Amino acid sequence: MKIDFTRLGDGTAEEYAYLDKLDHELNKNYATDLIALFRGTERETGYPLTAMRHALQTATRAARDGADDEMVFAALFHDIADRIAPINHSAVGAEILRPFIGTRTHWILAHHAIFQGYYFWHHIGRDRDEREKYRGHPYFKDCAEFCERWDSISFDPNYDTMPLEAFEPIINRMLAREPNALWR
């Protein structure tokens, strides 16, 4: 079908039915597209590991620590937006994953960069305790633990990190979930 409208308000019900069906077909490639975006983080950034290797190591630590699928998935993709939104990668990455993660996990991802600041911001003239403004939030402790147990320590080139292929079953299970009601 050829779409003829040049303004959204001029589309027909038939055109939008076609586009809706096409959109559902395109969304079937979400895992492939997400992994392609993830692979784009395989670049040097000055850290001992590329962003992709850091994320794999974070997910490996979460998996070996007994985290559930959702948290391992989140650990794997927590820096997914690092390349396209370096200044606000936490918030952007959390939104990319929002349809497939719960409220707690979304909050952790959206705030992890501020919580990571605790470990180094004082070295660059920023307030390492900026995360304290969230103290009392129901997920404060969860985000602090995510950073302490998995994220802040995952820059070790000698750590036995699992390859991306090891996480494919978790990725597939997570993306097979019904997207959250917010997205319906």
C-alpha atoms as a PDB file:
ATOM      1  CA  MET A   1       0.000   0.000   0.000  1.00  0.00           C
ATOM      2  CA  LYS A   2       1.219   3.498  -0.783  1.00  0.00           C
ATOM      3  CA  ILE A   3       0.679   6.135   1.868  1.00  0.00           C
ATOM      4  CA  ASP A   4      -0.496   9.351   0.257  1.00  0.00           C
ATOM      5  CA  PHE A   5      -1.008  11.717   3.172  1.00  0.00           C
ATOM      6  CA  THR A   6       1.524  14.416   3.985  1.00  0.00           C
ATOM      7  CA  ARG A   7      -0.028  15.351   7.326  1.00  0.00           C
ATOM      8  CA  LEU A   8      -1.064  12.949  10.054  1.00  0.00           C
ATOM      9  CA  GLY A   9      -4.557  14.416  10.230  1.00  0.00           C
ATOM     10  CA  ASP A  10      -5.168  13.570   6.588  1.00  0.00           C
ATOM     11  CA  GLY A  11      -4.574   9.809   6.854  1.00  0.00           C
ATOM     12  CA  THR A  12      -7.398   7.338   6.336  1.00  0.00           C
ATOM     13  CA  ALA A  13      -8.453   4.496   8.588  1.00  0.00           C
ATOM     14  CA  GLU A  14      -7.183   2.065   5.944  1.00  0.00           C
ATOM     15  CA  GLU A  15      -3.766   3.738   5.837  1.00  0.00           C
ATOM     16  CA  TYR A  16      -3.451   3.711   9.609  1.00  0.00           C
ATOM     17  CA  ALA A  17      -4.536   0.072   9.803  1.00  0.00           C
ATOM     18  CA  TYR A  18      -1.779  -0.742   7.308  1.00  0.00           C
ATOM     19  CA  LEU A  19       0.808   1.315   9.227  1.00  0.00           C
ATOM     20  CA  ASP A  20      -0.229  -0.277  12.524  1.00  0.00           C
ATOM     21  CA  LYS A  21       0.233  -3.755  11.049  1.00  0.00           C
ATOM     22  CA  LEU A  22       3.604  -2.739   9.590  1.00  0.00           C
ATOM     23  CA  ASP A  23       4.644  -1.278  12.945  1.00  0.00           C
ATOM     24  CA  HIS A  24       3.877  -4.592  14.673  1.00  0.00           C
ATOM     25  CA  GLU A  25       5.974  -6.425  12.072  1.00  0.00           C
ATOM     26  CA  LEU A  26       8.883  -4.027  12.522  1.00  0.00           C
ATOM     27  CA  ASN A  27       8.707  -4.447  16.300  1.00  0.00           C
ATOM     28  CA  LYS A  28       9.358  -8.166  15.889  1.00  0.00           C
ATOM     29  CA  ASN A  29      12.971  -7.163  15.185  1.00  0.00           C
ATOM     30  CA  TYR A  30      13.333  -5.412  18.550  1.00  0.00           C
ATOM     31  CA  ALA A  31      15.946  -7.877  19.826  1.00  0.00           C
ATOM     32  CA  THR A  32      18.038  -7.503  16.677  1.00  0.00           C
ATOM     33  CA  ASP A  33      17.772  -3.723  16.819  1.00  0.00           C
ATOM     34  CA  LEU A  34      18.575  -3.602  20.539  1.00  0.00           C
ATOM     35  CA  ILE A  35      21.633  -5.805  20.071  1.00  0.00           C
ATOM     36  CA  ALA A  36      22.785  -3.658  17.136  1.00  0.00           C
ATOM     37  CA  LEU A  37      22.537  -0.583  19.344  1.00  0.00           C
ATOM     38  CA  PHE A  38      24.407  -2.485  22.069  1.00  0.00           C
ATOM     39  CA  ARG A  39      27.181  -3.473  19.650  1.00  0.00           C
ATOM     40  CA  GLY A  40      27.559   0.215  18.830  1.00  0.00           C
ATOM     41  CA  THR A  41      28.929   0.714  22.338  1.00  0.00           C
ATOM     42  CA  GLU A  42      31.982  -1.392  21.424  1.00  0.00           C
ATOM     43  CA  ARG A  43      34.337   1.537  21.165  1.00  0.00           C
ATOM     44  CA  GLU A  44      37.203   2.948  23.135  1.00  0.00           C
ATOM     45  CA  THR A  45      36.203   5.508  25.738  1.00  0.00           C
ATOM     46  CA  GLY A  46      39.382   5.789  27.796  1.00  0.00           C
ATOM     47  CA  TYR A  47      38.215   3.317  30.436  1.00  0.00           C
ATOM     48  CA  PRO A  48      39.977  -0.056  30.817  1.00  0.00           C
ATOM     49  CA  LEU A  49      37.018  -1.641  28.964  1.00  0.00           C
ATOM     50  CA  THR A  50      34.782  -0.521  26.138  1.00  0.00           C
ATOM     51  CA  ALA A  51      31.258   0.388  27.183  1.00  0.00           C
ATOM     52  CA  MET A  52      30.011  -2.888  25.685  1.00  0.00           C
ATOM     53  CA  ARG A  53      32.553  -4.979  27.624  1.00  0.00           C
ATOM     54  CA  HIS A  54      31.705  -3.045  30.799  1.00  0.00           C
ATOM     55  CA  ALA A  55      28.010  -3.835  30.289  1.00  0.00           C
ATOM     56  CA  LEU A  56      28.741  -7.515  29.635  1.00  0.00           C
ATOM     57  CA  GLN A  57      30.807  -7.625  32.813  1.00  0.00           C
ATOM     58  CA  THR A  58      28.075  -5.888  34.815  1.00  0.00           C
ATOM     59  CA  ALA A  59      25.516  -8.420  33.551  1.00  0.00           C
ATOM     60  CA  THR A  60      27.888 -11.319  34.226  1.00  0.00           C
ATOM     61  CA  ARG A  61      28.294 -10.198  37.829  1.00  0.00           C
ATOM     62  CA  ALA A  62      24.532  -9.811  38.224  1.00  0.00           C
ATOM     63  CA  ALA A  63      23.886 -13.260  36.748  1.00  0.00           C
ATOM     64  CA  ARG A  64      26.536 -14.916  38.924  1.00  0.00           C
ATOM     65  CA  ASP A  65      25.099 -13.135  41.944  1.00  0.00           C
ATOM     66  CA  GLY A  66      21.708 -14.764  41.325  1.00  0.00           C
ATOM     67  CA  ALA A  67      19.826 -11.735  39.992  1.00  0.00           C
ATOM     68  CA  ASP A  68      16.566 -12.439  38.189  1.00  0.00           C
ATOM     69  CA  ASP A  69      16.202 -12.187  34.399  1.00  0.00           C
ATOM     70  CA  GLU A  70      14.909  -8.626  34.513  1.00  0.00           C
ATOM     71  CA  MET A  71      17.867  -7.354  36.517  1.00  0.00           C
ATOM     72  CA  VAL A  72      20.408  -9.230  34.382  1.00  0.00           C
ATOM     73  CA  PHE A  73      18.724  -7.776  31.274  1.00  0.00           C
ATOM     74  CA  ALA A  74      18.886  -4.318  32.854  1.00  0.00           C
ATOM     75  CA  ALA A  75      22.536  -4.794  33.826  1.00  0.00           C
ATOM     76  CA  LEU A  76      23.354  -5.839  30.275  1.00  0.00           C
ATOM     77  CA  PHE A  77      21.670  -2.833  28.705  1.00  0.00           C
ATOM     78  CA  HIS A  78      22.133  -0.239  31.468  1.00  0.00           C
ATOM     79  CA  ASP A  79      24.456   1.862  29.293  1.00  0.00           C
ATOM     80  CA  ILE A  80      22.698   1.154  25.981  1.00  0.00           C
ATOM     81  CA  ALA A  81      22.257   4.868  25.268  1.00  0.00           C
ATOM     82  CA  ASP A  82      25.833   5.834  26.164  1.00  0.00           C
ATOM     83  CA  ARG A  83      26.791   6.507  22.557  1.00  0.00           C
ATOM     84  CA  ILE A  84      23.666   8.332  21.426  1.00  0.00           C
ATOM     85  CA  ALA A  85      22.994  10.282  24.645  1.00  0.00           C
ATOM     86  CA  PRO A  86      26.206  10.471  26.679  1.00  0.00           C
ATOM     87  CA  ILE A  87      24.993  13.320  28.896  1.00  0.00           C
ATOM     88  CA  ASN A  88      21.715  11.661  29.889  1.00  0.00           C
ATOM     89  CA  HIS A  89      22.329   8.042  28.912  1.00  0.00           C
ATOM     90  CA  SER A  90      20.697   6.708  32.086  1.00  0.00           C
ATOM     91  CA  ALA A  91      17.336   8.309  31.412  1.00  0.00           C
ATOM     92  CA  VAL A  92      17.377   7.526  27.699  1.00  0.00           C
ATOM     93  CA  GLY A  93      18.436   3.919  28.241  1.00  0.00           C
ATOM     94  CA  ALA A  94      15.738   3.413  30.856  1.00  0.00           C
ATOM     95  CA  GLU A  95      13.149   4.664  28.359  1.00  0.00           C
ATOM     96  CA  ILE A  96      14.413   2.341  25.633  1.00  0.00           C
ATOM     97  CA  LEU A  97      13.886  -0.624  27.960  1.00  0.00           C
ATOM     98  CA  ARG A  98      10.714   0.667  29.679  1.00  0.00           C
ATOM     99  CA  PRO A  99       8.230  -1.501  27.758  1.00  0.00           C
ATOM    100  CA  PHE A 100       9.910  -4.658  29.090  1.00  0.00           C
ATOM    101  CA  ILE A 101      10.945  -3.764  32.642  1.00  0.00           C
ATOM    102  CA  GLY A 102       9.122  -2.935  35.828  1.00  0.00           C
ATOM    103  CA  THR A 103       8.947   0.358  37.685  1.00  0.00           C
ATOM    104  CA  ARG A 104      11.732  -0.538  40.137  1.00  0.00           C
ATOM    105  CA  THR A 105      14.166  -1.567  37.420  1.00  0.00           C
ATOM    106  CA  HIS A 106      13.292   1.486  35.349  1.00  0.00           C
ATOM    107  CA  TRP A 107      14.039   3.773  38.319  1.00  0.00           C
ATOM    108  CA  ILE A 108      17.364   2.060  38.947  1.00  0.00           C
ATOM    109  CA  LEU A 109      18.420   2.457  35.323  1.00  0.00           C
ATOM    110  CA  ALA A 110      17.207   6.042  35.068  1.00  0.00           C
ATOM    111  CA  HIS A 111      19.227   7.063  38.146  1.00  0.00           C
ATOM    112  CA  HIS A 112      22.294   4.833  38.036  1.00  0.00           C
ATOM    113  CA  ALA A 113      24.603   7.521  36.606  1.00  0.00           C
ATOM    114  CA  ILE A 114      23.930   9.832  39.554  1.00  0.00           C
ATOM    115  CA  PHE A 115      24.495   6.952  41.962  1.00  0.00           C
ATOM    116  CA  GLN A 116      27.726   6.033  40.151  1.00  0.00           C
ATOM    117  CA  GLY A 117      28.892   9.582  40.760  1.00  0.00           C
ATOM    118  CA  TYR A 118      29.397   8.644  44.397  1.00  0.00           C
ATOM    119  CA  TYR A 119      32.550   6.778  43.388  1.00  0.00           C
ATOM    120  CA  PHE A 120      34.299   9.480  41.389  1.00  0.00           C
ATOM    121  CA  TRP A 121      32.532  12.833  41.064  1.00  0.00           C
ATOM    122  CA  HIS A 122      34.579  14.364  43.877  1.00  0.00           C
ATOM    123  CA  HIS A 123      37.617  13.915  41.625  1.00  0.00           C
ATOM    124  CA  ILE A 124      36.100  16.062  38.877  1.00  0.00           C
ATOM    125  CA  GLY A 125      34.616  18.858  40.951  1.00  0.00           C
ATOM    126  CA  ARG A 126      31.115  17.463  41.282  1.00  0.00           C
ATOM    127  CA  ASP A 127      29.163  16.528  44.369  1.00  0.00           C
ATOM    128  CA  ARG A 128      29.651  12.836  44.992  1.00  0.00           C
ATOM    129  CA  ASP A 129      26.654  12.891  47.335  1.00  0.00           C
ATOM    130  CA  GLU A 130      24.206  14.172  44.725  1.00  0.00           C
ATOM    131  CA  ARG A 131      22.378  10.858  45.029  1.00  0.00           C
ATOM    132  CA  GLU A 132      21.422  11.822  48.591  1.00  0.00           C
ATOM    133  CA  LYS A 133      18.581  13.942  47.259  1.00  0.00           C
ATOM    134  CA  TYR A 134      16.876  10.612  46.538  1.00  0.00           C
ATOM    135  CA  ARG A 135      17.426   9.136  50.003  1.00  0.00           C
ATOM    136  CA  GLY A 136      14.071   7.950  51.268  1.00  0.00           C
ATOM    137  CA  HIS A 137      12.911   6.905  47.808  1.00  0.00           C
ATOM    138  CA  PRO A 138      11.715   3.282  47.838  1.00  0.00           C
ATOM    139  CA  TYR A 139      14.367   2.284  45.264  1.00  0.00           C
ATOM    140  CA  PHE A 140      17.317   4.274  46.648  1.00  0.00           C
ATOM    141  CA  LYS A 141      18.907   1.239  48.286  1.00  0.00           C
ATOM    142  CA  ASP A 142      18.298  -0.933  45.202  1.00  0.00           C
ATOM    143  CA  CYS A 143      20.039   1.569  42.928  1.00  0.00           C
ATOM    144  CA  ALA A 144      22.949   1.992  45.349  1.00  0.00           C
ATOM    145  CA  GLU A 145      23.350  -1.804  45.491  1.00  0.00           C
ATOM    146  CA  PHE A 146      23.165  -2.135  41.689  1.00  0.00           C
ATOM    147  CA  CYS A 147      26.063   0.293  41.425  1.00  0.00           C
ATOM    148  CA  GLU A 148      28.073  -1.104  44.309  1.00  0.00           C
ATOM    149  CA  ARG A 149      27.692  -4.824  43.575  1.00  0.00           C
ATOM    150  CA  TRP A 150      27.800  -4.847  39.802  1.00  0.00           C
ATOM    151  CA  ASP A 151      28.246  -1.568  37.931  1.00  0.00           C
ATOM    152  CA  SER A 152      31.025   0.338  39.718  1.00  0.00           C
ATOM    153  CA  ILE A 153      33.320  -2.702  39.881  1.00  0.00           C
ATOM    154  CA  SER A 154      32.924  -3.839  36.273  1.00  0.00           C
ATOM    155  CA  PHE A 155      35.957  -2.284  34.617  1.00  0.00           C
ATOM    156  CA  ASP A 156      38.320  -5.240  35.088  1.00  0.00           C
ATOM    157  CA  PRO A 157      39.925  -6.482  31.856  1.00  0.00           C
ATOM    158  CA  ASN A 158      40.967  -9.686  33.637  1.00  0.00           C
ATOM    159  CA  TYR A 159      37.483 -10.644  34.875  1.00  0.00           C
ATOM    160  CA  ASP A 160      36.000 -13.790  33.314  1.00  0.00           C
ATOM    161  CA  THR A 161      33.162 -12.011  31.496  1.00  0.00           C
ATOM    162  CA  MET A 162      30.440 -13.985  29.753  1.00  0.00           C
ATOM    163  CA  PRO A 163      29.957 -13.319  26.015  1.00  0.00           C
ATOM    164  CA  LEU A 164      26.841 -11.671  24.606  1.00  0.00           C
ATOM    165  CA  GLU A 165      25.625 -15.037  23.282  1.00  0.00           C
ATOM    166  CA  ALA A 166      25.319 -16.320  26.844  1.00  0.00           C
ATOM    167  CA  PHE A 167      22.679 -13.671  27.512  1.00  0.00           C
ATOM    168  CA  GLU A 168      20.559 -14.342  24.413  1.00  0.00           C
ATOM    169  CA  PRO A 169      18.095 -16.635  26.250  1.00  0.00           C
ATOM    170  CA  ILE A 170      17.465 -13.899  28.838  1.00  0.00           C
ATOM    171  CA  ILE A 171      17.138 -11.239  26.138  1.00  0.00           C
ATOM    172  CA  ASN A 172      14.630 -13.401  24.270  1.00  0.00           C
ATOM    173  CA  ARG A 173      12.609 -14.150  27.424  1.00  0.00           C
ATOM    174  CA  MET A 174      12.496 -10.486  28.386  1.00  0.00           C
ATOM    175  CA  LEU A 175      11.476  -9.299  24.936  1.00  0.00           C
ATOM    176  CA  ALA A 176       8.839 -12.019  24.689  1.00  0.00           C
ATOM    177  CA  ARG A 177       7.018 -10.423  27.628  1.00  0.00           C
ATOM    178  CA  GLU A 178       3.915  -8.417  26.960  1.00  0.00           C
ATOM    179  CA  PRO A 179       5.014  -4.766  26.832  1.00  0.00           C
ATOM    180  CA  ASN A 180       3.958  -2.780  29.884  1.00  0.00           C
ATOM    181  CA  ALA A 181       0.463  -1.324  29.942  1.00  0.00           C
ATOM    182  CA  LEU A 182       1.960   2.178  29.672  1.00  0.00           C
ATOM    183  CA  TRP A 183       2.753   1.411  26.069  1.00  0.00           C
ATOM    184  CA  ARG A 184      -0.665   0.188  24.949  1.00  0.00           C
END
